PDB file of N, CA and C in Angstrom:
ATOM      1  N   MET A   1       1.242 193.124 178.750  1.00  0.00           N
ATOM      2  CA  MET A   1       1.425 194.785 178.653  1.00  0.00           C
ATOM      3  C   MET A   1       1.723 195.162 180.083  1.00  0.00           C
ATOM      4  N   TRP A   2       1.480 194.522 181.361  1.00  0.00           N
ATOM      5  CA  TRP A   2       1.607 194.866 182.570  1.00  0.00           C
ATOM      6  C   TRP A   2       3.360 195.175 182.571  1.00  0.00           C
ATOM      7  N   ARG A   3       3.940 194.223 181.997  1.00  0.00           N
ATOM      8  CA  ARG A   3       5.514 193.997 182.130  1.00  0.00           C
ATOM      9  C   ARG A   3       6.100 195.419 181.263  1.00  0.00           C
ATOM     10  N   MET A   4       5.194 195.597 180.124  1.00  0.00           N
ATOM     11  CA  MET A   4       6.068 196.811 179.360  1.00  0.00           C
ATOM     12  C   MET A   4       5.750 197.970 180.042  1.00  0.00           C
ATOM     13  N   VAL A   5       4.750 198.105 180.849  1.00  0.00           N
ATOM     14  CA  VAL A   5       4.329 199.900 181.340  1.00  0.00           C
ATOM     15  C   VAL A   5       5.449 199.887 182.468  1.00  0.00           C
ATOM     16  N   PHE A   6       5.569 198.249 183.508  1.00  0.00           N
ATOM     17  CA  PHE A   6       6.421 198.342 184.540  1.00  0.00           C
ATOM     18  C   PHE A   6       7.785 198.837 184.153  1.00  0.00           C
ATOM     19  N   LYS A   7       8.202 198.221 183.032  1.00  0.00           N
ATOM     20  CA  LYS A   7       9.717 198.414 182.711  1.00  0.00           C
ATOM     21  C   LYS A   7      10.370 199.876 182.310  1.00  0.00           C
ATOM     22  N   GLY A   8       8.746 200.541 181.056  1.00  0.00           N
ATOM     23  CA  GLY A   8       9.016 201.593 180.861  1.00  0.00           C
ATOM     24  C   GLY A   8       8.455 202.892 181.739  1.00  0.00           C
ATOM     25  N   VAL A   9       7.948 202.490 182.523  1.00  0.00           N
ATOM     26  CA  VAL A   9       7.073 203.671 183.257  1.00  0.00           C
ATOM     27  C   VAL A   9       7.293 203.433 184.797  1.00  0.00           C
ATOM     28  N   ILE A  10       6.720 202.533 185.389  1.00  0.00           N
ATOM     29  CA  ILE A  10       6.912 202.569 186.561  1.00  0.00           C
ATOM     30  C   ILE A  10       8.473 202.375 187.520  1.00  0.00           C
ATOM     31  N   LYS A  11       9.327 201.248 187.022  1.00  0.00           N
ATOM     32  CA  LYS A  11      10.471 201.042 187.781  1.00  0.00           C
ATOM     33  C   LYS A  11      11.131 202.584 187.455  1.00  0.00           C
ATOM     34  N   PRO A  12      11.678 203.023 186.255  1.00  0.00           N
ATOM     35  CA  PRO A  12      12.402 204.117 186.180  1.00  0.00           C
ATOM     36  C   PRO A  12      11.600 205.483 187.357  1.00  0.00           C
ATOM     37  N   LEU A  13      10.424 205.337 187.278  1.00  0.00           N
ATOM     38  CA  LEU A  13       9.604 206.386 188.386  1.00  0.00           C
ATOM     39  C   LEU A  13      10.042 205.883 189.526  1.00  0.00           C
ATOM     40  N   PHE A  14       9.561 204.715 190.003  1.00  0.00           N
ATOM     41  CA  PHE A  14      10.354 204.009 191.508  1.00  0.00           C
ATOM     42  C   PHE A  14      11.909 204.489 191.605  1.00  0.00           C
ATOM     43  N   GLU A  15      12.478 204.331 190.777  1.00  0.00           N
ATOM     44  CA  GLU A  15      14.147 204.409 190.675  1.00  0.00           C
ATOM     45  C   GLU A  15      14.418 205.947 191.466  1.00  0.00           C
ATOM     46  N   ASP A  16      13.596 207.010 190.427  1.00  0.00           N
ATOM     47  CA  ASP A  16      13.845 208.526 190.918  1.00  0.00           C
ATOM     48  C   ASP A  16      13.125 208.430 192.139  1.00  0.00           C
ATOM     49  N   VAL A  17      12.288 208.186 192.546  1.00  0.00           N
ATOM     50  CA  VAL A  17      11.685 208.414 193.899  1.00  0.00           C
ATOM     51  C   VAL A  17      12.855 207.883 195.060  1.00  0.00           C
ATOM     52  N   HIS A  18      13.362 206.516 194.917  1.00  0.00           N
ATOM     53  CA  HIS A  18      13.939 206.058 195.664  1.00  0.00           C
ATOM     54  C   HIS A  18      15.426 206.804 195.947  1.00  0.00           C
ATOM     55  N   GLN A  19      15.674 207.215 194.792  1.00  0.00           N
ATOM     56  CA  GLN A  19      17.181 208.053 194.656  1.00  0.00           C
ATOM     57  C   GLN A  19      16.941 209.202 195.632  1.00  0.00           C
ATOM     58  N   GLN A  20      15.456 209.970 195.141  1.00  0.00           N
ATOM     59  CA  GLN A  20      14.934 211.088 196.167  1.00  0.00           C
ATOM     60  C   GLN A  20      15.241 210.898 197.587  1.00  0.00           C
ATOM     61  N   LEU A  21      14.568 209.667 197.910  1.00  0.00           N
ATOM     62  CA  LEU A  21      14.650 209.011 199.083  1.00  0.00           C
ATOM     63  C   LEU A  21      15.694 209.098 200.063  1.00  0.00           C
ATOM     64  N   LYS A  22      16.654 208.340 199.356  1.00  0.00           N
ATOM     65  CA  LYS A  22      18.215 208.032 199.758  1.00  0.00           C
ATOM     66  C   LYS A  22      18.615 209.274 199.959  1.00  0.00           C
ATOM     67  N   GLU A  23      18.351 210.588 199.373  1.00  0.00           N
ATOM     68  CA  GLU A  23      19.310 211.748 199.260  1.00  0.00           C
ATOM     69  C   GLU A  23      18.768 212.268 200.414  1.00  0.00           C
ATOM     70  N   GLY A  24      17.595 211.752 201.264  1.00  0.00           N
ATOM     71  CA  GLY A  24      16.951 212.866 202.472  1.00  0.00           C
ATOM     72  C   GLY A  24      15.887 213.768 201.689  1.00  0.00           C
ATOM     73  N   ASP A  25      15.607 213.279 200.616  1.00  0.00           N
ATOM     74  CA  ASP A  25      14.350 214.575 200.500  1.00  0.00           C
ATOM     75  C   ASP A  25      13.172 213.615 200.938  1.00  0.00           C
ATOM     76  N   ALA A  26      11.991 214.345 201.516  1.00  0.00           N
ATOM     77  CA  ALA A  26      11.011 213.598 202.648  1.00  0.00           C
ATOM     78  C   ALA A  26       9.886 214.006 201.939  1.00  0.00           C
ATOM     79  N   THR A  27       9.548 214.894 200.565  1.00  0.00           N
ATOM     80  CA  THR A  27       8.543 215.469 200.091  1.00  0.00           C
ATOM     81  C   THR A  27       7.711 214.574 199.718  1.00  0.00           C
ATOM     82  N   LEU A  28       8.158 213.427 199.164  1.00  0.00           N
ATOM     83  CA  LEU A  28       7.215 212.162 198.362  1.00  0.00           C
ATOM     84  C   LEU A  28       7.175 211.281 199.634  1.00  0.00           C
ATOM     85  N   GLU A  29       7.722 211.508 200.533  1.00  0.00           N
ATOM     86  CA  GLU A  29       7.222 210.107 201.655  1.00  0.00           C
ATOM     87  C   GLU A  29       5.382 209.782 201.941  1.00  0.00           C
ATOM     88  N   LYS A  30       5.406 211.071 202.281  1.00  0.00           N
ATOM     89  CA  LYS A  30       3.693 210.948 202.515  1.00  0.00           C
ATOM     90  C   LYS A  30       2.894 210.350 201.367  1.00  0.00           C
ATOM     91  N   VAL A  31       2.992 210.717 200.145  1.00  0.00           N
ATOM     92  CA  VAL A  31       2.353 210.033 198.614  1.00  0.00           C
ATOM     93  C   VAL A  31       2.535 208.952 198.583  1.00  0.00           C
ATOM     94  N   LEU A  32       4.226 208.481 198.795  1.00  0.00           N
ATOM     95  CA  LEU A  32       4.398 206.984 198.731  1.00  0.00           C
ATOM     96  C   LEU A  32       3.817 206.083 199.364  1.00  0.00           C
ATOM     97  N   ALA A  33       3.706 206.400 200.714  1.00  0.00           N
ATOM     98  CA  ALA A  33       3.186 205.952 202.009  1.00  0.00           C
ATOM     99  C   ALA A  33       1.728 205.547 201.964  1.00  0.00           C
ATOM    100  N   GLU A  34       1.147 206.592 201.696  1.00  0.00           N
ATOM    101  CA  GLU A  34      -0.427 206.649 201.912  1.00  0.00           C
ATOM    102  C   GLU A  34      -0.766 206.336 200.657  1.00  0.00           C
ATOM    103  N   VAL A  35      -0.442 206.610 199.545  1.00  0.00           N
ATOM    104  CA  VAL A  35      -1.202 206.345 198.435  1.00  0.00           C
ATOM    105  C   VAL A  35      -0.371 205.007 197.168  1.00  0.00           C
ATOM    106  N   VAL A  36       0.830 205.402 196.875  1.00  0.00           N
ATOM    107  CA  VAL A  36       0.978 204.278 196.295  1.00  0.00           C
ATOM    108  C   VAL A  36       1.500 202.723 197.149  1.00  0.00           C
ATOM    109  N   LEU A  37       2.175 202.997 198.423  1.00  0.00           N
ATOM    110  CA  LEU A  37       2.209 201.635 198.853  1.00  0.00           C
ATOM    111  C   LEU A  37       1.195 201.002 199.506  1.00  0.00           C
ATOM    112  N   ARG A  38       0.038 201.966 199.683  1.00  0.00           N
ATOM    113  CA  ARG A  38      -1.367 201.459 200.395  1.00  0.00           C
ATOM    114  C   ARG A  38      -2.183 200.502 199.151  1.00  0.00           C
ATOM    115  N   ASN A  39      -1.711 201.353 198.046  1.00  0.00           N
ATOM    116  CA  ASN A  39      -2.791 200.732 196.869  1.00  0.00           C
ATOM    117  C   ASN A  39      -2.191 199.683 196.619  1.00  0.00           C
ATOM    118  N   VAL A  40      -0.655 198.995 196.587  1.00  0.00           N
ATOM    119  CA  VAL A  40      -0.140 197.836 196.340  1.00  0.00           C
ATOM    120  C   VAL A  40      -0.449 196.684 197.606  1.00  0.00           C
ATOM    121  N   LYS A  41      -0.817 197.473 198.743  1.00  0.00           N
ATOM    122  CA  LYS A  41      -1.039 196.579 199.860  1.00  0.00           C
ATOM    123  C   LYS A  41      -2.526 196.122 199.653  1.00  0.00           C
ATOM    124  N   GLU A  42      -3.508 196.871 199.216  1.00  0.00           N
ATOM    125  CA  GLU A  42      -4.716 196.448 198.856  1.00  0.00           C
ATOM    126  C   GLU A  42      -5.256 195.672 197.293  1.00  0.00           C
ATOM    127  N   LEU A  43      -3.972 195.253 196.377  1.00  0.00           N
ATOM    128  CA  LEU A  43      -4.109 194.601 195.715  1.00  0.00           C
ATOM    129  C   LEU A  43      -4.706 193.091 196.201  1.00  0.00           C
ATOM    130  N   PRO A  44      -5.655 192.947 195.223  1.00  0.00           N
ATOM    131  CA  PRO A  44      -6.151 191.262 195.126  1.00  0.00           C
ATOM    132  C   PRO A  44      -5.277 190.542 195.563  1.00  0.00           C
ATOM    133  N   PRO A  45      -5.220 189.526 196.220  1.00  0.00           N
ATOM    134  CA  PRO A  45      -3.753 188.475 196.712  1.00  0.00           C
ATOM    135  C   PRO A  45      -3.684 188.198 194.955  1.00  0.00           C
ATOM    136  N   LYS A  46      -4.530 187.619 194.088  1.00  0.00           N
ATOM    137  CA  LYS A  46      -3.969 187.030 193.314  1.00  0.00           C
ATOM    138  C   LYS A  46      -2.903 187.898 192.315  1.00  0.00           C
ATOM    139  N   ARG A  47      -3.572 188.937 191.856  1.00  0.00           N
ATOM    140  CA  ARG A  47      -2.925 189.885 191.150  1.00  0.00           C
ATOM    141  C   ARG A  47      -1.790 190.535 191.827  1.00  0.00           C
ATOM    142  N   PHE A  48      -1.776 190.586 193.030  1.00  0.00           N
ATOM    143  CA  PHE A  48      -0.408 190.747 193.477  1.00  0.00           C
ATOM    144  C   PHE A  48       0.638 189.615 193.277  1.00  0.00           C
ATOM    145  N   ALA A  49       0.439 188.521 193.542  1.00  0.00           N
ATOM    146  CA  ALA A  49       0.942 187.183 193.061  1.00  0.00           C
ATOM    147  C   ALA A  49       1.362 187.373 191.690  1.00  0.00           C
ATOM    148  N   ARG A  50       0.700 187.775 190.856  1.00  0.00           N
ATOM    149  CA  ARG A  50       0.907 187.868 189.248  1.00  0.00           C
ATOM    150  C   ARG A  50       2.235 188.738 189.122  1.00  0.00           C
ATOM    151  N   CYS A  51       1.804 189.942 190.146  1.00  0.00           N
ATOM    152  CA  CYS A  51       2.852 191.090 189.914  1.00  0.00           C
ATOM    153  C   CYS A  51       4.280 190.577 191.070  1.00  0.00           C
ATOM    154  N   MET A  52       4.336 190.285 191.918  1.00  0.00           N
ATOM    155  CA  MET A  52       5.079 190.077 192.588  1.00  0.00           C
ATOM    156  C   MET A  52       6.729 189.726 192.370  1.00  0.00           C
ATOM    157  N   PRO A  53       6.971 189.050 191.227  1.00  0.00           N
ATOM    158  CA  PRO A  53       8.209 189.459 190.479  1.00  0.00           C
ATOM    159  C   PRO A  53       8.811 190.482 190.311  1.00  0.00           C
ATOM    160  N   GLU A  54       7.787 191.492 189.943  1.00  0.00           N
ATOM    161  CA  GLU A  54       8.672 192.803 189.708  1.00  0.00           C
ATOM    162  C   GLU A  54       8.341 193.918 190.965  1.00  0.00           C
ATOM    163  N   ILE A  55       7.085 193.613 191.578  1.00  0.00           N
ATOM    164  CA  ILE A  55       6.985 194.247 193.060  1.00  0.00           C
ATOM    165  C   ILE A  55       8.089 194.195 194.103  1.00  0.00           C
ATOM    166  N   PHE A  56       8.372 192.785 194.370  1.00  0.00           N
ATOM    167  CA  PHE A  56       9.287 192.302 195.335  1.00  0.00           C
ATOM    168  C   PHE A  56      10.656 193.198 195.246  1.00  0.00           C
ATOM    169  N   PRO A  57      11.251 193.132 194.456  1.00  0.00           N
ATOM    170  CA  PRO A  57      12.706 193.800 194.203  1.00  0.00           C
ATOM    171  C   PRO A  57      12.523 195.742 194.925  1.00  0.00           C
ATOM    172  N   LEU A  58      11.425 196.057 194.550  1.00  0.00           N
ATOM    173  CA  LEU A  58      11.225 197.507 194.737  1.00  0.00           C
ATOM    174  C   LEU A  58      10.876 197.596 196.065  1.00  0.00           C
ATOM    175  N   LEU A  59      10.196 196.564 196.577  1.00  0.00           N
ATOM    176  CA  LEU A  59       9.716 196.605 198.238  1.00  0.00           C
ATOM    177  C   LEU A  59      11.243 196.388 199.085  1.00  0.00           C
ATOM    178  N   SER A  60      12.250 195.641 198.412  1.00  0.00           N
ATOM    179  CA  SER A  60      13.376 195.444 199.208  1.00  0.00           C
ATOM    180  C   SER A  60      14.076 196.440 198.978  1.00  0.00           C
ATOM    181  N   LYS A  61      13.809 197.559 198.093  1.00  0.00           N
ATOM    182  CA  LYS A  61      14.642 198.493 198.481  1.00  0.00           C
ATOM    183  C   LYS A  61      14.462 199.662 199.375  1.00  0.00           C
ATOM    184  N   LEU A  62      12.828 199.533 199.564  1.00  0.00           N
ATOM    185  CA  LEU A  62      12.088 200.493 200.606  1.00  0.00           C
ATOM    186  C   LEU A  62      12.807 200.493 201.962  1.00  0.00           C
ATOM    187  N   VAL A  63      12.797 199.023 202.119  1.00  0.00           N
ATOM    188  CA  VAL A  63      13.198 198.748 203.621  1.00  0.00           C
ATOM    189  C   VAL A  63      14.319 199.741 204.652  1.00  0.00           C
ATOM    190  N   SER A  64      15.281 200.178 203.502  1.00  0.00           N
ATOM    191  CA  SER A  64      16.465 200.956 204.322  1.00  0.00           C
ATOM    192  C   SER A  64      16.117 202.452 204.024  1.00  0.00           C
ATOM    193  N   VAL A  65      14.812 202.874 203.543  1.00  0.00           N
ATOM    194  CA  VAL A  65      14.691 204.256 203.451  1.00  0.00           C
ATOM    195  C   VAL A  65      14.740 204.880 204.958  1.00  0.00           C
ATOM    196  N   GLY A  66      15.190 206.093 205.348  1.00  0.00           N
ATOM    197  CA  GLY A  66      14.738 206.769 206.464  1.00  0.00           C
ATOM    198  C   GLY A  66      13.211 207.009 206.988  1.00  0.00           C
ATOM    199  N   SER A  67      12.326 206.681 206.134  1.00  0.00           N
ATOM    200  CA  SER A  67      10.963 207.443 206.555  1.00  0.00           C
ATOM    201  C   SER A  67      10.586 206.195 207.103  1.00  0.00           C
ATOM    202  N   ALA A  68      10.270 206.154 208.501  1.00  0.00           N
ATOM    203  CA  ALA A  68       9.628 204.874 209.354  1.00  0.00           C
ATOM    204  C   ALA A  68       8.254 204.893 208.600  1.00  0.00           C
ATOM    205  N   GLU A  69       7.361 205.909 208.242  1.00  0.00           N
ATOM    206  CA  GLU A  69       6.136 205.623 207.414  1.00  0.00           C
ATOM    207  C   GLU A  69       6.209 204.727 206.261  1.00  0.00           C
ATOM    208  N   VAL A  70       7.040 204.613 205.545  1.00  0.00           N
ATOM    209  CA  VAL A  70       7.407 203.932 204.115  1.00  0.00           C
ATOM    210  C   VAL A  70       7.718 202.516 204.667  1.00  0.00           C
ATOM    211  N   ARG A  71       8.726 202.360 205.640  1.00  0.00           N
ATOM    212  CA  ARG A  71       9.427 201.447 206.220  1.00  0.00           C
ATOM    213  C   ARG A  71       8.159 200.362 206.572  1.00  0.00           C
ATOM    214  N   GLN A  72       7.456 201.197 207.366  1.00  0.00           N
ATOM    215  CA  GLN A  72       5.925 200.300 207.999  1.00  0.00           C
ATOM    216  C   GLN A  72       4.696 200.041 207.030  1.00  0.00           C
ATOM    217  N   VAL A  73       4.585 200.909 205.837  1.00  0.00           N
ATOM    218  CA  VAL A  73       3.633 200.060 205.000  1.00  0.00           C
ATOM    219  C   VAL A  73       4.400 199.024 204.100  1.00  0.00           C
ATOM    220  N   VAL A  74       5.665 199.059 203.787  1.00  0.00           N
ATOM    221  CA  VAL A  74       6.584 198.176 203.388  1.00  0.00           C
ATOM    222  C   VAL A  74       6.294 196.646 204.109  1.00  0.00           C
ATOM    223  N   GLN A  75       6.266 196.797 205.531  1.00  0.00           N
ATOM    224  CA  GLN A  75       6.432 195.645 206.417  1.00  0.00           C
ATOM    225  C   GLN A  75       5.138 195.057 206.218  1.00  0.00           C
ATOM    226  N   ASP A  76       4.112 196.084 206.366  1.00  0.00           N
ATOM    227  CA  ASP A  76       2.709 195.616 206.492  1.00  0.00           C
ATOM    228  C   ASP A  76       2.452 194.904 204.791  1.00  0.00           C
ATOM    229  N   ILE A  77       3.077 195.145 203.849  1.00  0.00           N
ATOM    230  CA  ILE A  77       2.419 194.393 202.674  1.00  0.00           C
ATOM    231  C   ILE A  77       3.553 192.875 203.035  1.00  0.00           C
ATOM    232  N   LEU A  78       4.523 192.974 203.295  1.00  0.00           N
ATOM    233  CA  LEU A  78       5.281 191.778 203.295  1.00  0.00           C
ATOM    234  C   LEU A  78       4.813 190.708 203.874  1.00  0.00           C
ATOM    235  N   LEU A  79       4.268 191.360 205.304  1.00  0.00           N
ATOM    236  CA  LEU A  79       3.228 190.569 206.178  1.00  0.00           C
ATOM    237  C   LEU A  79       2.027 190.069 205.250  1.00  0.00           C
ATOM    238  N   GLU A  80       1.648 190.709 204.905  1.00  0.00           N
ATOM    239  CA  GLU A  80      -0.094 190.785 204.562  1.00  0.00           C
ATOM    240  C   GLU A  80      -0.002 190.119 203.299  1.00  0.00           C
ATOM    241  N   GLN A  81       0.939 190.450 202.065  1.00  0.00           N
ATOM    242  CA  GLN A  81       1.155 189.939 200.873  1.00  0.00           C
ATOM    243  C   GLN A  81       1.808 188.616 200.627  1.00  0.00           C
ATOM    244  N   VAL A  82       2.972 188.866 200.893  1.00  0.00           N
ATOM    245  CA  VAL A  82       4.186 188.301 200.616  1.00  0.00           C
ATOM    246  C   VAL A  82       4.012 186.928 201.539  1.00  0.00           C
ATOM    247  N   GLN A  83       4.188 187.021 202.447  1.00  0.00           N
ATOM    248  CA  GLN A  83       4.166 185.923 203.793  1.00  0.00           C
ATOM    249  C   GLN A  83       3.026 184.840 203.475  1.00  0.00           C
ATOM    250  N   PRO A  84       2.344 184.986 203.210  1.00  0.00           N
ATOM    251  CA  PRO A  84       0.984 184.153 202.501  1.00  0.00           C
ATOM    252  C   PRO A  84       1.457 183.274 201.367  1.00  0.00           C
ATOM    253  N   LEU A  85       1.843 183.920 200.277  1.00  0.00           N
ATOM    254  CA  LEU A  85       2.644 183.275 199.200  1.00  0.00           C
ATOM    255  C   LEU A  85       3.572 182.201 199.426  1.00  0.00           C
ATOM    256  N   LEU A  86       4.791 183.069 200.498  1.00  0.00           N
ATOM    257  CA  LEU A  86       5.872 181.872 201.068  1.00  0.00           C
ATOM    258  C   LEU A  86       5.269 180.897 201.571  1.00  0.00           C
ATOM    259  N   THR A  87       3.743 180.853 202.163  1.00  0.00           N
ATOM    260  CA  THR A  87       3.475 179.746 203.416  1.00  0.00           C
ATOM    261  C   THR A  87       3.229 178.924 202.161  1.00  0.00           C
ATOM    262  N   GLN A  88       2.360 179.633 201.461  1.00  0.00           N
ATOM    263  CA  GLN A  88       1.373 178.348 200.168  1.00  0.00           C
ATOM    264  C   GLN A  88       2.937 177.633 199.310  1.00  0.00           C
ATOM    265  N   ALA A  89       3.843 178.375 199.160  1.00  0.00           N
ATOM    266  CA  ALA A  89       5.032 177.540 198.558  1.00  0.00           C
ATOM    267  C   ALA A  89       5.737 177.042 199.292  1.00  0.00           C
ATOM    268  N   ALA A  90       5.688 176.865 200.398  1.00  0.00           N
ATOM    269  CA  ALA A  90       6.796 176.210 201.187  1.00  0.00           C
ATOM    270  C   ALA A  90       6.531 174.678 201.441  1.00  0.00           C
ATOM    271  N   PRO A  91       5.251 174.207 201.294  1.00  0.00           N
ATOM    272  CA  PRO A  91       5.244 172.535 201.184  1.00  0.00           C
ATOM    273  C   PRO A  91       5.633 172.268 199.943  1.00  0.00           C
ATOM    274  N   VAL A  92       5.446 172.535 198.863  1.00  0.00           N
ATOM    275  CA  VAL A  92       5.936 172.595 197.360  1.00  0.00           C
ATOM    276  C   VAL A  92       7.008 172.159 197.504  1.00  0.00           C
ATOM    277  N   THR A  93       7.921 173.305 198.071  1.00  0.00           N
ATOM    278  CA  THR A  93       9.614 173.136 198.226  1.00  0.00           C
ATOM    279  C   THR A  93      10.232 172.222 199.321  1.00  0.00           C
ATOM    280  N   ALA A  94       9.332 171.836 200.253  1.00  0.00           N
ATOM    281  CA  ALA A  94       9.636 170.649 201.015  1.00  0.00           C
ATOM    282  C   ALA A  94       9.433 169.489 200.506  1.00  0.00           C
ATOM    283  N   GLU A  95       8.469 169.173 199.565  1.00  0.00           N
ATOM    284  CA  GLU A  95       8.502 168.067 199.092  1.00  0.00           C
ATOM    285  C   GLU A  95       9.609 167.840 197.946  1.00  0.00           C
ATOM    286  N   ALA A  96       9.715 169.034 197.250  1.00  0.00           N
ATOM    287  CA  ALA A  96      10.566 168.776 196.031  1.00  0.00           C
ATOM    288  C   ALA A  96      12.243 168.804 196.696  1.00  0.00           C
ATOM    289  N   ASN A  97      12.549 169.228 197.984  1.00  0.00           N
ATOM    290  CA  ASN A  97      13.538 168.421 198.685  1.00  0.00           C
ATOM    291  C   ASN A  97      13.670 167.629 199.398  1.00  0.00           C
ATOM    292  N   GLY A  98      12.478 166.333 199.397  1.00  0.00           N
ATOM    293  CA  GLY A  98      12.632 165.398 199.810  1.00  0.00           C
ATOM    294  C   GLY A  98      12.343 165.289 201.156  1.00  0.00           C
ATOM    295  N   ARG A  99      11.895 166.316 201.888  1.00  0.00           N
ATOM    296  CA  ARG A  99      11.442 166.533 203.275  1.00  0.00           C
ATOM    297  C   ARG A  99       9.820 165.708 203.765  1.00  0.00           C
TER     298      ARG A  99
END
């Protein structure tokens, strides 16, 4: 269900918002930073981990927008949600590579 909602609603909406930000439209910056991204940041870690394959590419697009506020929240998400997942996966990856 989540992936269907993501593909049909969330991703197209995100693409529209991202395009507006790239064109310099700052009207959505505050809502994106203070509501949408803050809620992503506050997702329980297990839920975030399940959604990361869909969320990460969207976050990656936001690192280059003009809004410092949006970029700061994206940085917080990467450090507080993504980095712990990478740290957990690192030992497994190192073992798989024979290290």
